[in-house]
Amino acid sequence: MGDVVIVAYKPLPGQAAALEDLARAHVPFLRELGLATDRAPVLLRGKDGTIVEVFEWRQGGVEAAHAHPRIGELWAKYAEVCTYVKLSELPEAADMFATFEPLE
């Protein structure tokens, strides 16, 4: 078992489709490198277009990711299409039952 994380990516103008494609490929790529577990990831879209991802790192995966050159390339791609935002900044976070659209 590893650490389950929730991360929110706000697309840069005109980059929503590219961000969605990147998010869909994210966990399969991490698994290919042995960094994520087989737990099914959850991808969601907020009212403002922010993508929320829930996934599980393998034990030690986060640390290994920081040293892996292919992860640096992946993070550079994310930097081209989005900014990271705190969950508390999402409009849905103010609701008792935060509701998001599933990203298919």
Protein backbone atom coordinates (compact mmCIF):
# COMPACT_ATOMS: atom_id res chain seq x y z
CA MET A 1 0.00 0.00 0.00
CA GLY A 2 1.10 3.51 -0.67
CA ASP A 3 -0.19 7.02 -0.27
CA VAL A 4 -3.48 8.03 -1.86
CA VAL A 5 -3.26 11.61 -3.10
CA ILE A 6 -5.75 14.11 -4.47
CA VAL A 7 -4.40 16.77 -6.81
CA ALA A 8 -6.12 19.56 -8.74
CA TYR A 9 -4.90 20.91 -12.08
CA LYS A 10 -6.33 24.16 -13.45
CA PRO A 11 -5.93 24.30 -17.23
CA LEU A 12 -4.19 27.27 -18.78
CA PRO A 13 -6.24 29.13 -21.41
CA GLY A 14 -6.85 26.92 -24.44
CA GLN A 15 -5.20 23.88 -22.79
CA ALA A 16 -8.21 22.00 -21.36
CA ALA A 17 -8.13 19.19 -23.94
CA ALA A 18 -4.35 18.77 -23.67
CA LEU A 19 -4.64 18.62 -19.86
CA GLU A 20 -7.37 15.98 -20.05
CA ASP A 21 -5.23 13.85 -22.36
CA LEU A 22 -2.25 14.21 -20.05
CA ALA A 23 -4.33 13.35 -16.98
CA ARG A 24 -5.69 10.21 -18.64
CA ALA A 25 -2.14 9.03 -19.44
CA HIS A 26 -0.67 10.03 -16.05
CA VAL A 27 -1.27 6.97 -13.87
CA PRO A 28 -0.60 4.42 -16.64
CA PHE A 29 2.76 6.16 -17.15
CA LEU A 30 3.51 6.07 -13.41
CA ARG A 31 2.63 2.37 -13.35
CA GLU A 32 4.94 1.72 -16.30
CA LEU A 33 7.76 3.15 -14.18
CA GLY A 34 6.66 1.16 -11.10
CA LEU A 35 5.64 4.28 -9.16
CA ALA A 36 1.85 3.90 -8.84
CA THR A 37 -0.28 1.05 -7.55
CA ASP A 38 -2.98 -0.82 -9.44
CA ARG A 39 -5.70 1.09 -7.58
CA ALA A 40 -7.99 2.62 -10.19
CA PRO A 41 -7.45 6.37 -10.49
CA VAL A 42 -10.40 8.75 -10.40
CA LEU A 43 -10.49 11.72 -12.78
CA LEU A 44 -13.03 14.49 -12.26
CA ARG A 45 -13.80 17.91 -13.73
CA GLY A 46 -14.87 20.88 -11.63
CA LYS A 47 -17.30 23.62 -12.61
CA ASP A 48 -14.43 25.88 -13.64
CA GLY A 49 -12.70 23.16 -15.71
CA THR A 50 -10.19 22.17 -13.04
CA ILE A 51 -9.25 18.49 -13.26
CA VAL A 52 -9.13 16.60 -9.96
CA GLU A 53 -7.19 13.36 -9.84
CA VAL A 54 -7.14 10.73 -7.10
CA PHE A 55 -4.48 8.03 -7.32
CA GLU A 56 -2.15 5.94 -5.19
CA TRP A 57 1.64 6.12 -5.22
CA ARG A 58 3.48 2.88 -4.46
CA GLN A 59 5.35 2.95 -1.18
CA GLY A 60 8.42 5.09 -1.85
CA GLY A 61 7.03 6.15 -5.23
CA VAL A 62 6.99 9.87 -4.53
CA GLU A 63 10.63 9.86 -3.52
CA ALA A 64 11.61 7.74 -6.51
CA ALA A 65 9.67 10.06 -8.84
CA HIS A 66 11.73 13.07 -7.77
CA ALA A 67 14.89 11.28 -8.90
CA HIS A 68 13.54 9.86 -12.17
CA PRO A 69 14.39 11.85 -15.34
CA ARG A 70 11.23 10.77 -17.20
CA ILE A 71 9.09 12.18 -14.37
CA GLY A 72 10.82 15.54 -14.76
CA GLU A 73 9.79 15.47 -18.42
CA LEU A 74 6.21 14.63 -17.41
CA TRP A 75 6.07 17.48 -14.92
CA ALA A 76 7.37 19.85 -17.60
CA LYS A 77 4.43 18.82 -19.81
CA TYR A 78 2.02 19.59 -16.96
CA ALA A 79 3.64 23.01 -16.56
CA GLU A 80 2.84 23.75 -20.21
CA VAL A 81 -0.90 23.09 -19.81
CA CYS A 82 -1.91 23.84 -16.21
CA THR A 83 -1.23 25.23 -12.79
CA TYR A 84 -1.67 23.25 -9.60
CA VAL A 85 -4.30 24.54 -7.20
CA LYS A 86 -5.23 23.67 -3.64
CA LEU A 87 -8.42 21.70 -3.21
CA SER A 88 -9.63 24.43 -0.86
CA GLU A 89 -9.57 26.87 -3.79
CA LEU A 90 -12.13 24.89 -5.79
CA PRO A 91 -15.70 26.24 -5.65
CA GLU A 92 -16.90 22.70 -4.87
CA ALA A 93 -14.83 22.64 -1.67
CA ALA A 94 -17.33 25.01 -0.07
CA ASP A 95 -20.11 22.42 -0.45
CA MET A 96 -20.80 19.77 2.18
CA PHE A 97 -20.86 17.18 -0.61
CA ALA A 98 -18.42 18.39 -3.24
CA THR A 99 -19.75 17.26 -6.60
CA PHE A 100 -17.69 16.89 -9.76
CA GLU A 101 -18.30 15.63 -13.28
CA PRO A 102 -16.54 12.32 -14.04
CA LEU A 103 -13.88 12.66 -16.71
CA GLU A 104 -14.42 9.71 -19.03
